Amino acid sequence: MEGLGIVIAAMTMEAIGHPNLSFLLNLAMALGVALIGYTSWLTYRLFRKRESGIRAL
């Protein structure tokens, strides 16, 4: 996940350099998608951990 942060930082730096509003809009949408994907991945991991814990009992 560290690589994703570096990519986001580079894209943000590029967005600051460009006064293009549509690019900023695309960046915001990409960040939203990445955030949704990351949270769903986290909940999936938590659910799997809980499931394996119940199975262990």
C-alpha atoms as a PDB file:
ATOM      1  CA  MET A   1       0.000   0.000   0.000  1.00  0.00           C
ATOM      2  CA  GLU A   2       3.026   2.345   0.313  1.00  0.00           C
ATOM      3  CA  GLY A   3       3.365   2.414  -3.477  1.00  0.00           C
ATOM      4  CA  LEU A   4      -0.224   3.654  -3.802  1.00  0.00           C
ATOM      5  CA  GLY A   5       0.555   6.560  -1.467  1.00  0.00           C
ATOM      6  CA  ILE A   6       3.571   7.525  -3.582  1.00  0.00           C
ATOM      7  CA  VAL A   7       1.468   7.422  -6.763  1.00  0.00           C
ATOM      8  CA  ILE A   8      -1.252   9.553  -5.136  1.00  0.00           C
ATOM      9  CA  ALA A   9       1.361  12.065  -3.943  1.00  0.00           C
ATOM     10  CA  ALA A  10       2.877  12.290  -7.436  1.00  0.00           C
ATOM     11  CA  MET A  11      -0.574  12.748  -9.008  1.00  0.00           C
ATOM     12  CA  THR A  12      -1.413  15.452  -6.465  1.00  0.00           C
ATOM     13  CA  MET A  13       1.833  17.300  -7.235  1.00  0.00           C
ATOM     14  CA  GLU A  14       0.993  17.085 -10.932  1.00  0.00           C
ATOM     15  CA  ALA A  15      -2.555  18.310 -10.269  1.00  0.00           C
ATOM     16  CA  ILE A  16      -1.201  21.353  -8.409  1.00  0.00           C
ATOM     17  CA  GLY A  17       0.995  22.112 -11.432  1.00  0.00           C
ATOM     18  CA  HIS A  18      -1.963  21.886 -13.846  1.00  0.00           C
ATOM     19  CA  PRO A  19      -4.797  24.416 -13.570  1.00  0.00           C
ATOM     20  CA  ASN A  20      -6.970  21.921 -15.447  1.00  0.00           C
ATOM     21  CA  LEU A  21     -10.234  21.388 -13.553  1.00  0.00           C
ATOM     22  CA  SER A  22     -11.216  18.187 -15.383  1.00  0.00           C
ATOM     23  CA  PHE A  23      -7.895  16.620 -14.368  1.00  0.00           C
ATOM     24  CA  LEU A  24      -8.594  17.510 -10.732  1.00  0.00           C
ATOM     25  CA  LEU A  25     -12.072  16.013 -11.112  1.00  0.00           C
ATOM     26  CA  ASN A  26     -10.573  12.797 -12.511  1.00  0.00           C
ATOM     27  CA  LEU A  27      -8.077  12.748  -9.630  1.00  0.00           C
ATOM     28  CA  ALA A  28     -10.871  13.149  -7.079  1.00  0.00           C
ATOM     29  CA  MET A  29     -12.829  10.320  -8.714  1.00  0.00           C
ATOM     30  CA  ALA A  30      -9.761   8.063  -8.780  1.00  0.00           C
ATOM     31  CA  LEU A  31      -9.091   8.825  -5.108  1.00  0.00           C
ATOM     32  CA  GLY A  32     -12.717   7.995  -4.270  1.00  0.00           C
ATOM     33  CA  VAL A  33     -12.504   4.676  -6.112  1.00  0.00           C
ATOM     34  CA  ALA A  34      -9.196   3.861  -4.412  1.00  0.00           C
ATOM     35  CA  LEU A  35     -10.657   4.714  -1.001  1.00  0.00           C
ATOM     36  CA  ILE A  36     -13.727   2.522  -1.611  1.00  0.00           C
ATOM     37  CA  GLY A  37     -11.530  -0.347  -2.798  1.00  0.00           C
ATOM     38  CA  TYR A  38      -9.212  -0.013   0.189  1.00  0.00           C
ATOM     39  CA  THR A  39     -12.053   0.061   2.737  1.00  0.00           C
ATOM     40  CA  SER A  40     -13.755  -2.933   1.122  1.00  0.00           C
ATOM     41  CA  TRP A  41     -10.417  -4.804   1.181  1.00  0.00           C
ATOM     42  CA  LEU A  42     -10.017  -3.953   4.886  1.00  0.00           C
ATOM     43  CA  THR A  43     -13.532  -5.139   5.752  1.00  0.00           C
ATOM     44  CA  TYR A  44     -12.913  -8.325   3.750  1.00  0.00           C
ATOM     45  CA  ARG A  45      -9.714  -8.985   5.708  1.00  0.00           C
ATOM     46  CA  LEU A  46     -11.489  -8.308   9.023  1.00  0.00           C
ATOM     47  CA  PHE A  47     -14.360 -10.610   8.046  1.00  0.00           C
ATOM     48  CA  ARG A  48     -11.947 -13.404   7.087  1.00  0.00           C
ATOM     49  CA  LYS A  49     -10.044 -13.018  10.362  1.00  0.00           C
ATOM     50  CA  ARG A  50     -13.257 -13.141  12.385  1.00  0.00           C
ATOM     51  CA  GLU A  51     -14.452 -16.158  10.394  1.00  0.00           C
ATOM     52  CA  SER A  52     -11.222 -18.081  10.978  1.00  0.00           C
ATOM     53  CA  GLY A  53     -11.398 -17.150  14.687  1.00  0.00           C
ATOM     54  CA  ILE A  54     -14.889 -18.612  14.955  1.00  0.00           C
ATOM     55  CA  ARG A  55     -13.728 -21.738  13.141  1.00  0.00           C
ATOM     56  CA  ALA A  56     -10.804 -22.074  15.581  1.00  0.00           C
ATOM     57  CA  LEU A  57     -13.231 -22.065  18.520  1.00  0.00           C
END
